């Protein structure tokens, strides 16, 4: 009977140690999953914030202001429009051009 009792005691101890180990791993994985979920939420919030900032930066009024100030662009008017001519033949029509 002693051998059977000893064998059962070893089996119970091994089973208890295995149970403790699996519970520890389960808690570790749960903690890691919570951290990953929290990081995903943080990244999603950051992405939303950057998307709002991008939309705010690309408004037509802001783009026009930057074009005027930084690129020194101005709105087009007939007074400042220059027309390009080919070979100095500005007044000739396509019918008058001979090969």
N, C-alpha and C. Protein backbone atom coordinates (compact mmCIF):
# COMPACT_ATOMS: atom_id res chain seq x y z
N UNK A 1 0.79 -1.18 0.00
CA UNK A 1 0.00 0.00 0.00
C UNK A 1 0.85 1.26 0.00
N UNK A 2 2.01 1.18 0.60
CA UNK A 2 2.88 2.33 0.66
C UNK A 2 3.33 2.81 -0.72
N UNK A 3 3.61 1.87 -1.57
CA UNK A 3 4.06 2.24 -2.92
C UNK A 3 2.93 2.91 -3.69
N UNK A 4 1.74 2.40 -3.56
CA UNK A 4 0.60 2.98 -4.25
C UNK A 4 0.32 4.39 -3.71
N UNK A 5 0.39 4.54 -2.41
CA UNK A 5 0.17 5.85 -1.80
C UNK A 5 1.24 6.84 -2.24
N UNK A 6 2.49 6.39 -2.26
CA UNK A 6 3.58 7.24 -2.70
C UNK A 6 3.42 7.64 -4.17
N UNK A 7 3.04 6.67 -4.99
CA UNK A 7 2.82 6.94 -6.41
C UNK A 7 1.67 7.94 -6.60
N UNK A 8 0.59 7.78 -5.86
CA UNK A 8 -0.54 8.70 -5.95
C UNK A 8 -0.15 10.09 -5.46
N UNK A 9 0.67 10.16 -4.41
CA UNK A 9 1.12 11.45 -3.88
C UNK A 9 1.99 12.17 -4.92
N UNK A 10 2.86 11.46 -5.60
CA UNK A 10 3.71 12.05 -6.64
C UNK A 10 2.83 12.54 -7.80
N UNK A 11 1.83 11.76 -8.15
CA UNK A 11 0.92 12.15 -9.24
C UNK A 11 0.14 13.41 -8.85
N UNK A 12 -0.33 13.48 -7.62
CA UNK A 12 -1.06 14.67 -7.16
C UNK A 12 -0.14 15.88 -7.15
N UNK A 13 1.07 15.73 -6.70
CA UNK A 13 2.04 16.84 -6.67
C UNK A 13 2.36 17.32 -8.10
N UNK A 14 2.59 16.39 -9.00
CA UNK A 14 2.87 16.74 -10.38
C UNK A 14 1.66 17.47 -10.99
N UNK A 15 0.49 16.98 -10.71
CA UNK A 15 -0.73 17.61 -11.22
C UNK A 15 -0.89 19.01 -10.63
N UNK A 16 -0.58 19.20 -9.36
CA UNK A 16 -0.68 20.52 -8.73
C UNK A 16 0.33 21.49 -9.34
N UNK A 17 1.56 21.03 -9.54
CA UNK A 17 2.57 21.89 -10.15
C UNK A 17 2.19 22.27 -11.58
N UNK A 18 1.64 21.33 -12.33
CA UNK A 18 1.21 21.62 -13.69
C UNK A 18 0.07 22.64 -13.67
N UNK A 19 -0.85 22.51 -12.74
CA UNK A 19 -1.97 23.44 -12.62
C UNK A 19 -1.48 24.85 -12.30
N UNK A 20 -0.53 24.96 -11.38
CA UNK A 20 0.03 26.27 -11.03
C UNK A 20 0.72 26.89 -12.24
N UNK A 21 1.48 26.09 -12.95
CA UNK A 21 2.19 26.60 -14.13
C UNK A 21 1.22 27.09 -15.21
N UNK A 22 0.17 26.33 -15.50
CA UNK A 22 -0.79 26.74 -16.52
C UNK A 22 -1.57 27.99 -16.09
N UNK A 23 -1.89 28.11 -14.81
CA UNK A 23 -2.57 29.32 -14.33
C UNK A 23 -1.66 30.53 -14.47
N UNK A 24 -0.37 30.37 -14.17
CA UNK A 24 0.58 31.47 -14.31
C UNK A 24 0.68 31.90 -15.78
N UNK A 25 0.81 30.94 -16.69
CA UNK A 25 0.88 31.26 -18.11
C UNK A 25 -0.40 31.92 -18.60
N UNK A 26 -1.53 31.46 -18.12
CA UNK A 26 -2.81 32.05 -18.49
C UNK A 26 -2.88 33.51 -18.05
N UNK A 27 -2.47 33.78 -16.84
CA UNK A 27 -2.46 35.16 -16.35
C UNK A 27 -1.47 36.03 -17.13
N UNK A 28 -0.33 35.48 -17.46
CA UNK A 28 0.65 36.23 -18.26
C UNK A 28 0.09 36.58 -19.63
N UNK A 29 -0.53 35.61 -20.26
CA UNK A 29 -1.09 35.86 -21.59
C UNK A 29 -2.26 36.85 -21.53
N UNK A 30 -3.06 36.78 -20.47
CA UNK A 30 -4.15 37.74 -20.31
C UNK A 30 -3.61 39.15 -20.13
N UNK A 31 -2.57 39.28 -19.34
CA UNK A 31 -1.95 40.59 -19.13
C UNK A 31 -1.37 41.12 -20.44
N UNK A 32 -0.70 40.27 -21.17
CA UNK A 32 -0.12 40.68 -22.45
C UNK A 32 -1.20 41.08 -23.45
N UNK A 33 -2.31 40.35 -23.46
CA UNK A 33 -3.41 40.68 -24.36
C UNK A 33 -4.03 42.03 -23.96
N UNK A 34 -4.16 42.30 -22.67
CA UNK A 34 -4.69 43.59 -22.22
C UNK A 34 -3.77 44.73 -22.63
N UNK A 35 -2.48 44.53 -22.52
CA UNK A 35 -1.53 45.56 -22.94
C UNK A 35 -1.62 45.80 -24.45
N UNK A 36 -1.74 44.73 -25.22
CA UNK A 36 -1.86 44.88 -26.67
C UNK A 36 -3.16 45.59 -27.05
N UNK A 37 -4.24 45.29 -26.35
CA UNK A 37 -5.51 45.96 -26.60
C UNK A 37 -5.41 47.43 -26.27
N UNK A 38 -4.77 47.74 -25.16
CA UNK A 38 -4.58 49.13 -24.76
C UNK A 38 -3.72 49.88 -25.80
N UNK A 39 -2.67 49.24 -26.28
CA UNK A 39 -1.82 49.85 -27.30
C UNK A 39 -2.59 50.07 -28.60
N UNK A 40 -3.44 49.10 -28.96
CA UNK A 40 -4.25 49.25 -30.18
C UNK A 40 -5.21 50.43 -30.04
N UNK A 41 -5.80 50.60 -28.88
CA UNK A 41 -6.69 51.75 -28.65
C UNK A 41 -5.93 53.05 -28.73
N UNK A 42 -4.73 53.07 -28.16
CA UNK A 42 -3.91 54.28 -28.19
C UNK A 42 -3.54 54.63 -29.63
N UNK A 43 -3.15 53.62 -30.41
CA UNK A 43 -2.79 53.87 -31.81
C UNK A 43 -3.99 54.31 -32.63
N UNK A 44 -5.16 53.75 -32.34
CA UNK A 44 -6.37 54.16 -33.05
C UNK A 44 -6.71 55.61 -32.73
N UNK A 45 -6.57 56.00 -31.47
CA UNK A 45 -6.82 57.38 -31.08
C UNK A 45 -5.83 58.31 -31.75
N UNK A 46 -4.57 57.92 -31.79
CA UNK A 46 -3.55 58.73 -32.45
C UNK A 46 -3.83 58.86 -33.94
N UNK A 47 -4.27 57.76 -34.56
CA UNK A 47 -4.59 57.79 -35.98
C UNK A 47 -5.76 58.75 -36.24
N UNK A 48 -6.78 58.70 -35.39
CA UNK A 48 -7.91 59.62 -35.55
C UNK A 48 -7.47 61.07 -35.39
N UNK A 49 -6.61 61.33 -34.42
CA UNK A 49 -6.12 62.68 -34.19
C UNK A 49 -5.32 63.17 -35.41
N UNK A 50 -4.46 62.32 -35.93
CA UNK A 50 -3.66 62.70 -37.10
C UNK A 50 -4.54 62.90 -38.34
N UNK A 51 -5.59 62.10 -38.46
CA UNK A 51 -6.50 62.26 -39.59
C UNK A 51 -7.22 63.60 -39.52
N UNK A 52 -7.66 63.98 -38.32
CA UNK A 52 -8.31 65.28 -38.14
C UNK A 52 -7.32 66.41 -38.43
N UNK A 53 -6.09 66.25 -37.97
CA UNK A 53 -5.06 67.27 -38.22
C UNK A 53 -4.75 67.39 -39.71
N UNK A 54 -4.70 66.26 -40.40
CA UNK A 54 -4.44 66.27 -41.84
C UNK A 54 -5.57 66.99 -42.58
N UNK A 55 -6.81 66.69 -42.19
CA UNK A 55 -7.93 67.36 -42.84
C UNK A 55 -7.90 68.86 -42.57
N UNK A 56 -7.50 69.24 -41.37
CA UNK A 56 -7.42 70.67 -41.04
C UNK A 56 -6.31 71.35 -41.84
N UNK A 57 -5.23 70.64 -42.11
CA UNK A 57 -4.12 71.22 -42.86
C UNK A 57 -4.43 71.38 -44.34
N UNK A 58 -5.35 70.59 -44.86
CA UNK A 58 -5.61 70.58 -46.29
C UNK A 58 -6.84 71.40 -46.68
N UNK A 59 -7.27 72.33 -45.85
CA UNK A 59 -8.42 73.14 -46.23
C UNK A 59 -8.03 74.07 -47.38
N UNK A 60 -8.96 74.36 -48.28
CA UNK A 60 -8.63 75.22 -49.43
C UNK A 60 -8.13 76.60 -49.02
N UNK A 61 -8.68 77.15 -47.95
CA UNK A 61 -8.24 78.47 -47.51
C UNK A 61 -6.79 78.44 -47.05
N UNK A 62 -6.40 77.40 -46.32
CA UNK A 62 -5.02 77.28 -45.85
C UNK A 62 -4.06 77.06 -47.02
N UNK A 63 -4.46 76.23 -47.96
CA UNK A 63 -3.60 75.98 -49.13
C UNK A 63 -3.40 77.26 -49.92
N UNK A 64 -4.47 78.03 -50.10
CA UNK A 64 -4.35 79.29 -50.83
C UNK A 64 -3.46 80.27 -50.08
N UNK A 65 -3.59 80.33 -48.77
CA UNK A 65 -2.75 81.22 -47.96
C UNK A 65 -1.28 80.84 -48.09
N UNK A 66 -0.97 79.55 -48.00
CA UNK A 66 0.42 79.09 -48.14
C UNK A 66 0.94 79.35 -49.55
N UNK A 67 0.10 79.21 -50.55
CA UNK A 67 0.54 79.48 -51.93
C UNK A 67 0.91 80.94 -52.09
N UNK A 68 0.13 81.82 -51.48
CA UNK A 68 0.45 83.25 -51.59
C UNK A 68 1.69 83.62 -50.80
N UNK A 69 1.78 83.13 -49.56
CA UNK A 69 2.87 83.56 -48.69
C UNK A 69 4.19 82.87 -49.00
N UNK A 70 4.19 81.57 -49.11
CA UNK A 70 5.45 80.84 -49.27
C UNK A 70 5.88 80.73 -50.73
N UNK A 71 4.95 80.51 -51.62
CA UNK A 71 5.30 80.34 -53.03
C UNK A 71 5.14 81.63 -53.84
N UNK A 72 4.64 82.65 -53.19
CA UNK A 72 4.41 83.96 -53.82
C UNK A 72 3.56 83.83 -55.09
N UNK A 73 2.53 83.01 -55.01
CA UNK A 73 1.62 82.85 -56.13
C UNK A 73 0.49 83.87 -55.98
N UNK A 74 -0.16 84.19 -57.08
CA UNK A 74 -1.28 85.11 -57.03
C UNK A 74 -2.35 84.63 -57.98
N UNK A 75 -3.55 85.16 -57.81
CA UNK A 75 -4.65 84.73 -58.67
C UNK A 75 -4.44 85.23 -60.08
N UNK A 76 -4.95 84.49 -61.02
CA UNK A 76 -4.75 84.81 -62.42
C UNK A 76 -5.70 85.92 -62.85
N UNK A 77 -5.17 86.87 -63.59
CA UNK A 77 -5.96 87.95 -64.19
C UNK A 77 -5.48 88.15 -65.62
N UNK A 78 -6.31 88.71 -66.48
CA UNK A 78 -5.87 88.94 -67.86
C UNK A 78 -4.70 89.91 -67.96
N UNK A 79 -4.54 90.79 -66.96
CA UNK A 79 -3.45 91.77 -67.01
C UNK A 79 -2.08 91.12 -66.85
N UNK A 80 -2.00 89.99 -66.16
CA UNK A 80 -0.69 89.36 -65.93
C UNK A 80 -0.52 88.07 -66.71
N UNK A 81 -1.45 87.77 -67.60
CA UNK A 81 -1.39 86.54 -68.37
C UNK A 81 -0.48 86.74 -69.58
N UNK A 82 0.44 85.82 -69.78
CA UNK A 82 1.34 85.85 -70.92
C UNK A 82 1.02 84.66 -71.81
N UNK A 83 0.86 84.91 -73.10
CA UNK A 83 0.55 83.85 -74.04
C UNK A 83 1.82 83.47 -74.79
N UNK A 84 2.06 82.21 -74.92
CA UNK A 84 3.25 81.72 -75.62
C UNK A 84 2.95 81.60 -77.10
N UNK A 85 3.92 81.94 -77.91
CA UNK A 85 3.78 81.80 -79.35
C UNK A 85 4.87 80.88 -79.87
N UNK A 86 4.59 80.22 -80.96
CA UNK A 86 5.54 79.29 -81.55
C UNK A 86 6.24 79.99 -82.70
N UNK A 87 7.54 80.17 -82.60
CA UNK A 87 8.35 80.73 -83.68
C UNK A 87 7.97 82.14 -84.08
N UNK A 88 7.38 82.90 -83.23
CA UNK A 88 7.05 84.28 -83.53
C UNK A 88 5.87 84.45 -84.46
N UNK A 89 5.16 83.41 -84.83
CA UNK A 89 4.03 83.51 -85.73
C UNK A 89 2.76 83.57 -84.91
N UNK A 90 2.56 84.65 -84.16
CA UNK A 90 1.43 84.75 -83.28
C UNK A 90 0.15 85.06 -84.02
N UNK A 91 0.21 85.80 -85.12
CA UNK A 91 -1.00 86.23 -85.83
C UNK A 91 -1.41 85.30 -86.94
N UNK A 92 -0.62 84.26 -87.19
CA UNK A 92 -0.94 83.37 -88.31
C UNK A 92 -1.90 82.28 -87.86
N UNK A 93 -2.77 81.92 -88.72
CA UNK A 93 -3.70 80.82 -88.42
C UNK A 93 -3.10 79.53 -88.95
N UNK A 94 -3.62 78.40 -88.57
CA UNK A 94 -3.06 77.13 -89.06
C UNK A 94 -3.16 76.98 -90.58
N UNK A 95 -4.10 77.65 -91.23
CA UNK A 95 -4.23 77.54 -92.69
C UNK A 95 -3.10 78.28 -93.40
N UNK A 96 -2.53 79.31 -92.76
CA UNK A 96 -1.47 80.11 -93.38
C UNK A 96 -0.09 79.47 -93.24
N UNK A 97 0.05 78.53 -92.36
CA UNK A 97 1.36 77.89 -92.14
C UNK A 97 1.59 76.87 -93.25
N UNK A 98 2.75 77.01 -93.94
CA UNK A 98 3.10 76.10 -95.03
C UNK A 98 4.31 75.28 -94.65
N UNK A 99 4.32 74.05 -94.98
CA UNK A 99 5.47 73.19 -94.64
C UNK A 99 6.70 73.45 -95.44
